[in-house]
Amino acid sequence: MWTAISLWMMHIAGVAIYACLAWRAVARGAGWLPWVIGLPLAYAALVLAVTLTEFALAWIWRAPRSPTQRIGAMRTLRMIAGEFATLLGSPARMMVYRWRLSEPAAAPSALPIVLVHGVLCNAGVFIPLARKLARQRIGPVYALSYGPPLGTIEVFVAQLDARIRDVCAATGASSVIIVAHSMGGLIARAYVRRHGGASIARVVTLGGPHHGSRFASLAPGACLAQMRPGSAWLAALPDARGGPPLISLWSPHDSMVAPQTSSILAGAVNVAFPGIGHNALLRNDAIFARVVEEIRAARHPTP
């Protein structure tokens, strides 16, 4: 809710300012068509600038990569384009997530899926993934939108606990599968620390900053302070040993988790997917295929 409201306010204010500038220019004799065309172009230019800045900082703060993880110029351009396309559509998805992510009807299910987003986002970022799951008839899929956006992770853990309880009540399940993006992975791990792993059958993290990210130092906020590498909160968070199975899907070229090897967690199954940006992990076909594989493995474990 907080993120959607903030985005609506920023977009309305931005359009209003742009319209005011356009009106003044047209009143002085300028043509209106360039201003109409310029609005989406200016928006795209802003998103592109953000995308390139993220990749530049991620490269400066990068972790060493093995020869097998290095990518060429063309694949780098495709990676940047994929991240740009994801970021271009993300605000709209987050602004209308309440209408585009419907709650499943209450029905029995052994292992429902709960999606947990990252910092400064809401469940709207999972719309592409949720639709892919629906097309393969994999469900039921529930999502958590927590907040306030810059609150402490412990507050988000309490909200995840309430969400899991609601999902289990609606489905009759005793546990859920969690698919978490970015900071959502830390929320899932903090949940296990506080409540144990009985209610979680498996955790799949996408670009989880398990050892923090230097990007967290660029802005204030309780959860960002907890995500800074070397923070006392991170140091006290147990790894994946002794808890439910945790699968960390990560990219050596992540554009927001830096150093990128922060996503490697002891006790987890760590799987690298080179050439994917941080937000594009949510739309990548190879990532989706592995998420489906993990859901099926949790539901049909081999002896």
C-alpha atoms as a PDB file:
ATOM      1  CA  MET A   1       0.000   0.000   0.000  1.00  0.00           C
ATOM      2  CA  TRP A   2       2.725   2.484   0.986  1.00  0.00           C
ATOM      3  CA  THR A   3       4.749   1.879  -2.170  1.00  0.00           C
ATOM      4  CA  ALA A   4       1.718   2.066  -4.472  1.00  0.00           C
ATOM      5  CA  ILE A   5       0.538   5.346  -2.910  1.00  0.00           C
ATOM      6  CA  SER A   6       4.045   6.834  -3.120  1.00  0.00           C
ATOM      7  CA  LEU A   7       4.360   5.861  -6.770  1.00  0.00           C
ATOM      8  CA  TRP A   8       0.952   7.311  -7.637  1.00  0.00           C
ATOM      9  CA  MET A   9       1.888  10.588  -5.926  1.00  0.00           C
ATOM     10  CA  MET A  10       5.260  10.805  -7.668  1.00  0.00           C
ATOM     11  CA  HIS A  11       3.804  10.030 -11.096  1.00  0.00           C
ATOM     12  CA  ILE A  12       0.922  12.491 -10.713  1.00  0.00           C
ATOM     13  CA  ALA A  13       3.311  15.207  -9.536  1.00  0.00           C
ATOM     14  CA  GLY A  14       5.737  14.469 -12.373  1.00  0.00           C
ATOM     15  CA  VAL A  15       3.037  14.570 -15.035  1.00  0.00           C
ATOM     16  CA  ALA A  16       1.605  17.760 -13.544  1.00  0.00           C
ATOM     17  CA  ILE A  17       4.992  19.502 -13.642  1.00  0.00           C
ATOM     18  CA  TYR A  18       5.608  18.282 -17.187  1.00  0.00           C
ATOM     19  CA  ALA A  19       2.127  19.434 -18.291  1.00  0.00           C
ATOM     20  CA  CYS A  20       2.722  22.869 -16.751  1.00  0.00           C
ATOM     21  CA  LEU A  21       6.019  23.249 -18.623  1.00  0.00           C
ATOM     22  CA  ALA A  22       4.385  22.057 -21.841  1.00  0.00           C
ATOM     23  CA  TRP A  23       1.456  24.483 -21.437  1.00  0.00           C
ATOM     24  CA  ARG A  24       3.816  27.427 -20.964  1.00  0.00           C
ATOM     25  CA  ALA A  25       5.907  26.418 -23.960  1.00  0.00           C
ATOM     26  CA  VAL A  26       2.854  25.984 -26.203  1.00  0.00           C
ATOM     27  CA  ALA A  27       1.500  29.338 -24.998  1.00  0.00           C
ATOM     28  CA  ARG A  28       4.720  30.920 -26.241  1.00  0.00           C
ATOM     29  CA  GLY A  29       4.235  29.380 -29.678  1.00  0.00           C
ATOM     30  CA  ALA A  30       5.901  25.956 -29.396  1.00  0.00           C
ATOM     31  CA  GLY A  31       4.266  22.940 -30.996  1.00  0.00           C
ATOM     32  CA  TRP A  32       2.389  20.528 -28.766  1.00  0.00           C
ATOM     33  CA  LEU A  33       3.393  17.317 -30.586  1.00  0.00           C
ATOM     34  CA  PRO A  34       7.044  17.287 -29.403  1.00  0.00           C
ATOM     35  CA  TRP A  35       5.832  17.607 -25.822  1.00  0.00           C
ATOM     36  CA  VAL A  36       3.404  14.707 -26.235  1.00  0.00           C
ATOM     37  CA  ILE A  37       6.114  12.529 -27.755  1.00  0.00           C
ATOM     38  CA  GLY A  38       8.643  13.734 -25.224  1.00  0.00           C
ATOM     39  CA  LEU A  39       6.749  12.521 -22.149  1.00  0.00           C
ATOM     40  CA  PRO A  40       7.301   8.757 -22.619  1.00  0.00           C
ATOM     41  CA  LEU A  41      10.801   9.421 -23.965  1.00  0.00           C
ATOM     42  CA  ALA A  42      11.719  11.451 -20.881  1.00  0.00           C
ATOM     43  CA  TYR A  43      10.343   8.726 -18.635  1.00  0.00           C
ATOM     44  CA  ALA A  44      12.332   6.055 -20.480  1.00  0.00           C
ATOM     45  CA  ALA A  45      15.473   8.203 -20.313  1.00  0.00           C
ATOM     46  CA  LEU A  46      15.087   8.513 -16.538  1.00  0.00           C
ATOM     47  CA  VAL A  47      14.679   4.741 -16.125  1.00  0.00           C
ATOM     48  CA  LEU A  48      17.670   4.134 -18.401  1.00  0.00           C
ATOM     49  CA  ALA A  49      19.786   6.505 -16.314  1.00  0.00           C
ATOM     50  CA  VAL A  50      18.808   4.603 -13.154  1.00  0.00           C
ATOM     51  CA  THR A  51      19.595   1.274 -14.841  1.00  0.00           C
ATOM     52  CA  LEU A  52      23.027   2.380 -16.025  1.00  0.00           C
ATOM     53  CA  THR A  53      23.856   3.896 -12.635  1.00  0.00           C
ATOM     54  CA  GLU A  54      22.976   0.634 -10.893  1.00  0.00           C
ATOM     55  CA  PHE A  55      25.175  -1.407 -13.219  1.00  0.00           C
ATOM     56  CA  ALA A  56      28.046   1.080 -12.899  1.00  0.00           C
ATOM     57  CA  LEU A  57      28.005   0.915  -9.098  1.00  0.00           C
ATOM     58  CA  ALA A  58      27.558  -2.858  -9.160  1.00  0.00           C
ATOM     59  CA  TRP A  59      30.638  -3.105 -11.388  1.00  0.00           C
ATOM     60  CA  ILE A  60      32.671  -0.873  -9.075  1.00  0.00           C
ATOM     61  CA  TRP A  61      31.634  -2.975  -6.062  1.00  0.00           C
ATOM     62  CA  ARG A  62      31.717  -6.275  -7.951  1.00  0.00           C
ATOM     63  CA  ALA A  63      32.973  -9.575  -6.601  1.00  0.00           C
ATOM     64  CA  PRO A  64      35.683 -11.474  -8.507  1.00  0.00           C
ATOM     65  CA  ARG A  65      34.222 -13.683 -11.223  1.00  0.00           C
ATOM     66  CA  SER A  66      35.498 -16.987 -12.507  1.00  0.00           C
ATOM     67  CA  PRO A  67      36.249 -17.298 -16.236  1.00  0.00           C
ATOM     68  CA  THR A  68      33.039 -19.293 -16.717  1.00  0.00           C
ATOM     69  CA  GLN A  69      31.000 -16.403 -15.288  1.00  0.00           C
ATOM     70  CA  ARG A  70      32.327 -13.748 -17.642  1.00  0.00           C
ATOM     71  CA  ILE A  71      30.100 -12.529 -20.445  1.00  0.00           C
ATOM     72  CA  GLY A  72      30.879 -10.710 -23.675  1.00  0.00           C
ATOM     73  CA  ALA A  73      29.773  -7.329 -24.957  1.00  0.00           C
ATOM     74  CA  MET A  74      26.616  -8.515 -26.718  1.00  0.00           C
ATOM     75  CA  ARG A  75      25.394 -10.485 -23.737  1.00  0.00           C
ATOM     76  CA  THR A  76      26.142  -7.485 -21.515  1.00  0.00           C
ATOM     77  CA  LEU A  77      23.981  -5.285 -23.728  1.00  0.00           C
ATOM     78  CA  ARG A  78      21.169  -7.863 -23.617  1.00  0.00           C
ATOM     79  CA  MET A  79      21.478  -8.000 -19.824  1.00  0.00           C
ATOM     80  CA  ILE A  80      21.222  -4.201 -19.533  1.00  0.00           C
ATOM     81  CA  ALA A  81      18.257  -4.191 -21.916  1.00  0.00           C
ATOM     82  CA  GLY A  82      16.497  -6.864 -19.869  1.00  0.00           C
ATOM     83  CA  GLU A  83      16.998  -4.960 -16.629  1.00  0.00           C
ATOM     84  CA  PHE A  84      15.882  -1.715 -18.283  1.00  0.00           C
ATOM     85  CA  ALA A  85      12.708  -3.355 -19.617  1.00  0.00           C
ATOM     86  CA  THR A  86      11.916  -4.778 -16.183  1.00  0.00           C
ATOM     87  CA  LEU A  87      12.439  -1.456 -14.419  1.00  0.00           C
ATOM     88  CA  LEU A  88      10.419   0.362 -17.088  1.00  0.00           C
ATOM     89  CA  GLY A  89       7.331  -1.714 -16.319  1.00  0.00           C
ATOM     90  CA  SER A  90       7.800  -2.194 -12.572  1.00  0.00           C
ATOM     91  CA  PRO A  91       6.229   1.082 -11.346  1.00  0.00           C
ATOM     92  CA  ALA A  92       2.993   0.430 -13.262  1.00  0.00           C
ATOM     93  CA  ARG A  93       2.826  -3.124 -11.935  1.00  0.00           C
ATOM     94  CA  MET A  94       3.326  -1.919  -8.369  1.00  0.00           C
ATOM     95  CA  MET A  95       0.785   0.883  -8.742  1.00  0.00           C
ATOM     96  CA  VAL A  96      -2.041  -1.469  -9.793  1.00  0.00           C
ATOM     97  CA  TYR A  97      -1.012  -4.670  -8.021  1.00  0.00           C
ATOM     98  CA  ARG A  98      -4.257  -4.859  -6.033  1.00  0.00           C
ATOM     99  CA  TRP A  99      -6.237  -5.248  -9.252  1.00  0.00           C
ATOM    100  CA  ARG A 100      -3.791  -7.482 -11.128  1.00  0.00           C
ATOM    101  CA  LEU A 101      -2.860  -9.920  -8.338  1.00  0.00           C
ATOM    102  CA  SER A 102      -6.098 -11.499  -7.210  1.00  0.00           C
ATOM    103  CA  GLU A 103      -6.361 -13.520  -4.019  1.00  0.00           C
ATOM    104  CA  PRO A 104      -6.963 -17.238  -4.669  1.00  0.00           C
ATOM    105  CA  ALA A 105     -10.275 -18.634  -3.557  1.00  0.00           C
ATOM    106  CA  ALA A 106     -10.054 -20.601  -0.321  1.00  0.00           C
ATOM    107  CA  ALA A 107      -9.538 -24.262  -1.207  1.00  0.00           C
ATOM    108  CA  PRO A 108      -7.538 -27.204   0.129  1.00  0.00           C
ATOM    109  CA  SER A 109      -3.861 -27.224  -0.874  1.00  0.00           C
ATOM    110  CA  ALA A 110      -0.959 -29.130   0.603  1.00  0.00           C
ATOM    111  CA  LEU A 111       1.796 -26.594  -0.146  1.00  0.00           C
ATOM    112  CA  PRO A 112       0.618 -23.137  -1.215  1.00  0.00           C
ATOM    113  CA  ILE A 113       3.173 -20.616  -2.501  1.00  0.00           C
ATOM    114  CA  VAL A 114       3.853 -17.289  -0.793  1.00  0.00           C
ATOM    115  CA  LEU A 115       5.733 -14.561  -2.697  1.00  0.00           C
ATOM    116  CA  VAL A 116       7.806 -12.077  -0.670  1.00  0.00           C
ATOM    117  CA  HIS A 117       9.145  -8.969  -2.435  1.00  0.00           C
ATOM    118  CA  GLY A 118      12.213  -6.831  -1.796  1.00  0.00           C
ATOM    119  CA  VAL A 119      12.858  -3.402  -0.306  1.00  0.00           C
ATOM    120  CA  LEU A 120      10.838  -0.377  -1.516  1.00  0.00           C
ATOM    121  CA  CYS A 121       8.584  -2.619  -3.608  1.00  0.00           C
ATOM    122  CA  ASN A 122       5.289  -4.443  -3.256  1.00  0.00           C
ATOM    123  CA  ALA A 123       3.795  -7.663  -4.572  1.00  0.00           C
ATOM    124  CA  GLY A 124       3.309  -6.090  -8.006  1.00  0.00           C
ATOM    125  CA  VAL A 125       6.875  -6.992  -8.961  1.00  0.00           C
ATOM    126  CA  PHE A 126       5.764 -10.646  -8.981  1.00  0.00           C
ATOM    127  CA  ILE A 127       3.008 -10.198 -11.580  1.00  0.00           C
ATOM    128  CA  PRO A 128       5.078 -11.702 -14.454  1.00  0.00           C
ATOM    129  CA  LEU A 129       6.118 -14.667 -12.301  1.00  0.00           C
ATOM    130  CA  ALA A 130       2.598 -15.204 -10.959  1.00  0.00           C
ATOM    131  CA  ARG A 131       1.189 -15.223 -14.477  1.00  0.00           C
ATOM    132  CA  LYS A 132       3.749 -17.781 -15.615  1.00  0.00           C
ATOM    133  CA  LEU A 133       2.843 -20.002 -12.680  1.00  0.00           C
ATOM    134  CA  ALA A 134      -0.855 -19.619 -13.515  1.00  0.00           C
ATOM    135  CA  ARG A 135      -0.243 -20.625 -17.132  1.00  0.00           C
ATOM    136  CA  GLN A 136       1.351 -23.839 -15.898  1.00  0.00           C
ATOM    137  CA  ARG A 137      -1.484 -24.333 -13.403  1.00  0.00           C
ATOM    138  CA  ILE A 138       0.890 -24.118 -10.440  1.00  0.00           C
ATOM    139  CA  GLY A 139      -0.770 -22.703  -7.363  1.00  0.00           C
ATOM    140  CA  PRO A 140      -2.337 -21.475  -5.275  1.00  0.00           C
ATOM    141  CA  VAL A 141      -0.100 -18.400  -5.247  1.00  0.00           C
ATOM    142  CA  TYR A 142      -0.363 -15.796  -2.499  1.00  0.00           C
ATOM    143  CA  ALA A 143       1.672 -12.627  -2.091  1.00  0.00           C
ATOM    144  CA  LEU A 144       2.761 -10.484   0.826  1.00  0.00           C
ATOM    145  CA  SER A 145       3.039  -6.698   0.579  1.00  0.00           C
ATOM    146  CA  TYR A 146       4.672  -5.528   3.781  1.00  0.00           C
ATOM    147  CA  GLY A 147       5.532  -2.142   5.183  1.00  0.00           C
ATOM    148  CA  PRO A 148       6.209   0.592   6.024  1.00  0.00           C
ATOM    149  CA  PRO A 149       8.875   0.409   3.290  1.00  0.00           C
ATOM    150  CA  LEU A 150      11.856   1.470   5.411  1.00  0.00           C
ATOM    151  CA  GLY A 151      10.793  -0.169   8.666  1.00  0.00           C
ATOM    152  CA  THR A 152      12.758  -2.825  10.478  1.00  0.00           C
ATOM    153  CA  ILE A 153      12.890  -6.342   9.045  1.00  0.00           C
ATOM    154  CA  GLU A 154      11.546  -7.693  12.333  1.00  0.00           C
ATOM    155  CA  VAL A 155       8.277  -5.839  11.659  1.00  0.00           C
ATOM    156  CA  PHE A 156       8.117  -7.478   8.233  1.00  0.00           C
ATOM    157  CA  VAL A 157       8.704 -10.881   9.843  1.00  0.00           C
ATOM    158  CA  ALA A 158       5.594 -10.379  11.966  1.00  0.00           C
ATOM    159  CA  GLN A 159       3.630  -9.547   8.826  1.00  0.00           C
ATOM    160  CA  LEU A 160       4.964 -12.640   7.061  1.00  0.00           C
ATOM    161  CA  ASP A 161       3.950 -14.747  10.057  1.00  0.00           C
ATOM    162  CA  ALA A 162       0.395 -13.379   9.880  1.00  0.00           C
ATOM    163  CA  ARG A 163       0.308 -13.998   6.127  1.00  0.00           C
ATOM    164  CA  ILE A 164       1.466 -17.603   6.490  1.00  0.00           C
ATOM    165  CA  ARG A 165      -1.155 -18.208   9.171  1.00  0.00           C
ATOM    166  CA  ASP A 166      -3.880 -16.772   6.915  1.00  0.00           C
ATOM    167  CA  VAL A 167      -2.741 -18.848   3.929  1.00  0.00           C
ATOM    168  CA  CYS A 168      -2.633 -22.048   5.985  1.00  0.00           C
ATOM    169  CA  ALA A 169      -6.102 -21.313   7.352  1.00  0.00           C
ATOM    170  CA  ALA A 170      -7.465 -20.736   3.832  1.00  0.00           C
ATOM    171  CA  THR A 171      -5.894 -23.885   2.377  1.00  0.00           C
ATOM    172  CA  GLY A 172      -5.732 -26.272   5.306  1.00  0.00           C
ATOM    173  CA  ALA A 173      -1.980 -26.547   4.757  1.00  0.00           C
ATOM    174  CA  SER A 174       0.527 -26.955   7.568  1.00  0.00           C
ATOM    175  CA  SER A 175       3.373 -25.300   5.658  1.00  0.00           C
ATOM    176  CA  VAL A 176       4.085 -23.143   2.616  1.00  0.00           C
ATOM    177  CA  ILE A 177       6.729 -22.656  -0.063  1.00  0.00           C
ATOM    178  CA  ILE A 178       8.301 -19.209  -0.031  1.00  0.00           C
ATOM    179  CA  VAL A 179       9.667 -17.580  -3.181  1.00  0.00           C
ATOM    180  CA  ALA A 180      11.442 -14.384  -2.159  1.00  0.00           C
ATOM    181  CA  HIS A 181      13.152 -11.651  -4.165  1.00  0.00           C
ATOM    182  CA  SER A 182      16.007  -9.552  -2.815  1.00  0.00           C
ATOM    183  CA  MET A 183      15.426  -8.515   0.833  1.00  0.00           C
ATOM    184  CA  GLY A 184      12.483 -10.907   0.927  1.00  0.00           C
ATOM    185  CA  GLY A 185      15.055 -13.669   1.387  1.00  0.00           C
ATOM    186  CA  LEU A 186      16.309 -12.031   4.575  1.00  0.00           C
ATOM    187  CA  ILE A 187      12.743 -11.724   5.839  1.00  0.00           C
ATOM    188  CA  ALA A 188      12.216 -15.452   5.255  1.00  0.00           C
ATOM    189  CA  ARG A 189      15.428 -16.330   7.081  1.00  0.00           C
ATOM    190  CA  ALA A 190      14.573 -14.006   9.972  1.00  0.00           C
ATOM    191  CA  TYR A 191      11.158 -15.687  10.138  1.00  0.00           C
ATOM    192  CA  VAL A 192      12.844 -19.082  10.538  1.00  0.00           C
ATOM    193  CA  ARG A 193      15.057 -17.671  13.286  1.00  0.00           C
ATOM    194  CA  ARG A 194      12.035 -16.399  15.227  1.00  0.00           C
ATOM    195  CA  HIS A 195       9.405 -19.046  14.500  1.00  0.00           C
ATOM    196  CA  GLY A 196      11.350 -22.100  13.347  1.00  0.00           C
ATOM    197  CA  GLY A 197      10.931 -23.867  10.037  1.00  0.00           C
ATOM    198  CA  ALA A 198       7.861 -26.009  10.675  1.00  0.00           C
ATOM    199  CA  SER A 199       5.597 -23.723   8.629  1.00  0.00           C
ATOM    200  CA  ILE A 200       7.982 -23.471   5.663  1.00  0.00           C
ATOM    201  CA  ALA A 201       8.666 -26.448   3.421  1.00  0.00           C
ATOM    202  CA  ARG A 202      11.186 -24.690   1.170  1.00  0.00           C
ATOM    203  CA  VAL A 203      12.605 -21.210   0.548  1.00  0.00           C
ATOM    204  CA  VAL A 204      13.707 -20.074  -2.901  1.00  0.00           C
ATOM    205  CA  THR A 205      15.514 -16.726  -2.935  1.00  0.00           C
ATOM    206  CA  LEU A 206      16.122 -14.700  -6.090  1.00  0.00           C
ATOM    207  CA  GLY A 207      19.039 -12.323  -5.727  1.00  0.00           C
ATOM    208  CA  GLY A 208      18.940 -12.529  -1.944  1.00  0.00           C
ATOM    209  CA  PRO A 209      21.533 -10.228  -0.271  1.00  0.00           C
ATOM    210  CA  HIS A 210      22.316 -12.848   2.353  1.00  0.00           C
ATOM    211  CA  HIS A 211      25.490 -11.072   3.441  1.00  0.00           C
ATOM    212  CA  GLY A 212      24.198  -7.592   2.669  1.00  0.00           C
ATOM    213  CA  SER A 213      24.694  -5.189  -0.211  1.00  0.00           C
ATOM    214  CA  ARG A 214      26.707  -1.997  -0.477  1.00  0.00           C
ATOM    215  CA  PHE A 215      23.706  -0.410  -2.183  1.00  0.00           C
ATOM    216  CA  ALA A 216      22.018  -0.392   1.239  1.00  0.00           C
ATOM    217  CA  SER A 217      24.417   2.348   2.344  1.00  0.00           C
ATOM    218  CA  LEU A 218      23.038   4.795  -0.254  1.00  0.00           C
ATOM    219  CA  ALA A 219      19.811   5.609   1.634  1.00  0.00           C
ATOM    220  CA  PRO A 220      18.500   5.791   5.211  1.00  0.00           C
ATOM    221  CA  GLY A 221      16.058   3.347   6.730  1.00  0.00           C
ATOM    222  CA  ALA A 222      16.028   0.647   9.394  1.00  0.00           C
ATOM    223  CA  CYS A 223      15.875  -2.285   6.983  1.00  0.00           C
ATOM    224  CA  LEU A 224      18.627  -0.793   4.815  1.00  0.00           C
ATOM    225  CA  ALA A 225      20.852  -0.383   7.872  1.00  0.00           C
ATOM    226  CA  GLN A 226      20.251  -4.064   8.653  1.00  0.00           C
ATOM    227  CA  MET A 227      21.206  -4.990   5.072  1.00  0.00           C
ATOM    228  CA  ARG A 228      24.574  -3.251   5.101  1.00  0.00           C
ATOM    229  CA  PRO A 229      27.503  -5.689   4.912  1.00  0.00           C
ATOM    230  CA  GLY A 230      28.933  -6.351   8.353  1.00  0.00           C
ATOM    231  CA  SER A 231      25.854  -5.140  10.246  1.00  0.00           C
ATOM    232  CA  ALA A 232      25.225  -6.673  13.658  1.00  0.00           C
ATOM    233  CA  TRP A 233      21.779  -7.794  12.485  1.00  0.00           C
ATOM    234  CA  LEU A 234      23.218  -9.784   9.572  1.00  0.00           C
ATOM    235  CA  ALA A 235      25.959 -11.227  11.754  1.00  0.00           C
ATOM    236  CA  ALA A 236      23.344 -12.614  14.164  1.00  0.00           C
ATOM    237  CA  LEU A 237      21.220 -14.173  11.412  1.00  0.00           C
ATOM    238  CA  PRO A 238      21.819 -17.946  11.178  1.00  0.00           C
ATOM    239  CA  ASP A 239      22.676 -19.463   7.817  1.00  0.00           C
ATOM    240  CA  ALA A 240      20.575 -22.111   6.080  1.00  0.00           C
ATOM    241  CA  ARG A 241      21.904 -25.096   8.029  1.00  0.00           C
ATOM    242  CA  GLY A 242      19.320 -26.642  10.310  1.00  0.00           C
ATOM    243  CA  GLY A 243      16.357 -24.879   8.708  1.00  0.00           C
ATOM    244  CA  PRO A 244      14.076 -25.720   5.790  1.00  0.00           C
ATOM    245  CA  PRO A 245      15.809 -26.284   2.429  1.00  0.00           C
ATOM    246  CA  LEU A 246      16.940 -22.968   0.993  1.00  0.00           C
ATOM    247  CA  ILE A 247      17.819 -22.528  -2.672  1.00  0.00           C
ATOM    248  CA  SER A 248      19.620 -19.305  -3.550  1.00  0.00           C
ATOM    249  CA  LEU A 249      19.319 -18.388  -7.234  1.00  0.00           C
ATOM    250  CA  TRP A 250      21.724 -15.553  -7.914  1.00  0.00           C
ATOM    251  CA  SER A 251      23.567 -13.716 -10.660  1.00  0.00           C
ATOM    252  CA  PRO A 252      27.299 -12.954 -10.728  1.00  0.00           C
ATOM    253  CA  HIS A 253      26.224  -9.797 -12.594  1.00  0.00           C
ATOM    254  CA  ASP A 254      23.500  -8.715 -10.154  1.00  0.00           C
ATOM    255  CA  SER A 255      22.963  -4.964 -10.484  1.00  0.00           C
ATOM    256  CA  MET A 256      21.874  -4.299  -6.881  1.00  0.00           C
ATOM    257  CA  VAL A 257      23.453  -6.981  -4.718  1.00  0.00           C
ATOM    258  CA  ALA A 258      27.100  -6.011  -4.414  1.00  0.00           C
ATOM    259  CA  PRO A 259      29.355  -7.803  -3.959  1.00  0.00           C
ATOM    260  CA  GLN A 260      27.356 -10.334  -5.922  1.00  0.00           C
ATOM    261  CA  THR A 261      28.720 -13.294  -3.944  1.00  0.00           C
ATOM    262  CA  SER A 262      26.702 -11.953  -1.012  1.00  0.00           C
ATOM    263  CA  SER A 263      23.937 -14.197  -2.374  1.00  0.00           C
ATOM    264  CA  ILE A 264      25.958 -17.338  -1.619  1.00  0.00           C
ATOM    265  CA  LEU A 265      24.812 -18.776   1.712  1.00  0.00           C
ATOM    266  CA  ALA A 266      26.262 -21.632   3.737  1.00  0.00           C
ATOM    267  CA  GLY A 267      23.879 -24.558   4.012  1.00  0.00           C
ATOM    268  CA  ALA A 268      21.909 -23.476   0.931  1.00  0.00           C
ATOM    269  CA  VAL A 269      21.892 -24.818  -2.610  1.00  0.00           C
ATOM    270  CA  ASN A 270      23.519 -21.901  -4.423  1.00  0.00           C
ATOM    271  CA  VAL A 271      22.911 -21.749  -8.180  1.00  0.00           C
ATOM    272  CA  ALA A 272      24.494 -19.030 -10.324  1.00  0.00           C
ATOM    273  CA  PHE A 273      22.770 -17.587 -13.403  1.00  0.00           C
ATOM    274  CA  PRO A 274      25.272 -15.300 -15.154  1.00  0.00           C
ATOM    275  CA  GLY A 275      24.164 -12.360 -17.258  1.00  0.00           C
ATOM    276  CA  ILE A 276      20.967 -11.351 -15.420  1.00  0.00           C
ATOM    277  CA  GLY A 277      20.279  -8.062 -13.634  1.00  0.00           C
ATOM    278  CA  HIS A 278      18.743  -7.896 -10.185  1.00  0.00           C
ATOM    279  CA  ASN A 279      15.167  -7.061 -11.149  1.00  0.00           C
ATOM    280  CA  ALA A 280      15.259  -9.088 -14.360  1.00  0.00           C
ATOM    281  CA  LEU A 281      15.588 -12.205 -12.189  1.00  0.00           C
ATOM    282  CA  LEU A 282      11.822 -11.881 -11.753  1.00  0.00           C
ATOM    283  CA  ARG A 283      11.161 -12.254 -15.486  1.00  0.00           C
ATOM    284  CA  ASN A 284      13.926 -14.587 -16.663  1.00  0.00           C
ATOM    285  CA  ASP A 285      12.820 -17.904 -18.189  1.00  0.00           C
ATOM    286  CA  ALA A 286      15.754 -19.902 -16.797  1.00  0.00           C
ATOM    287  CA  ILE A 287      15.076 -18.591 -13.297  1.00  0.00           C
ATOM    288  CA  PHE A 288      11.394 -19.392 -13.675  1.00  0.00           C
ATOM    289  CA  ALA A 289      12.166 -22.947 -14.785  1.00  0.00           C
ATOM    290  CA  ARG A 290      14.299 -23.489 -11.681  1.00  0.00           C
ATOM    291  CA  VAL A 291      11.608 -22.001  -9.424  1.00  0.00           C
ATOM    292  CA  VAL A 292       9.082 -24.440 -10.889  1.00  0.00           C
ATOM    293  CA  GLU A 293      11.551 -27.287 -10.383  1.00  0.00           C
ATOM    294  CA  GLU A 294      11.951 -26.376  -6.713  1.00  0.00           C
ATOM    295  CA  ILE A 295       8.194 -26.094  -6.175  1.00  0.00           C
ATOM    296  CA  ARG A 296       7.679 -29.539  -7.668  1.00  0.00           C
ATOM    297  CA  ALA A 297      10.553 -30.981  -5.641  1.00  0.00           C
ATOM    298  CA  ALA A 298       8.994 -29.650  -2.436  1.00  0.00           C
ATOM    299  CA  ARG A 299       5.612 -31.091  -3.352  1.00  0.00           C
ATOM    300  CA  HIS A 300       6.921 -34.432  -4.603  1.00  0.00           C
ATOM    301  CA  PRO A 301      10.115 -35.185  -2.668  1.00  0.00           C
ATOM    302  CA  THR A 302      12.197 -38.113  -3.809  1.00  0.00           C
ATOM    303  CA  PRO A 303      12.805 -40.840  -1.215  1.00  0.00           C
END
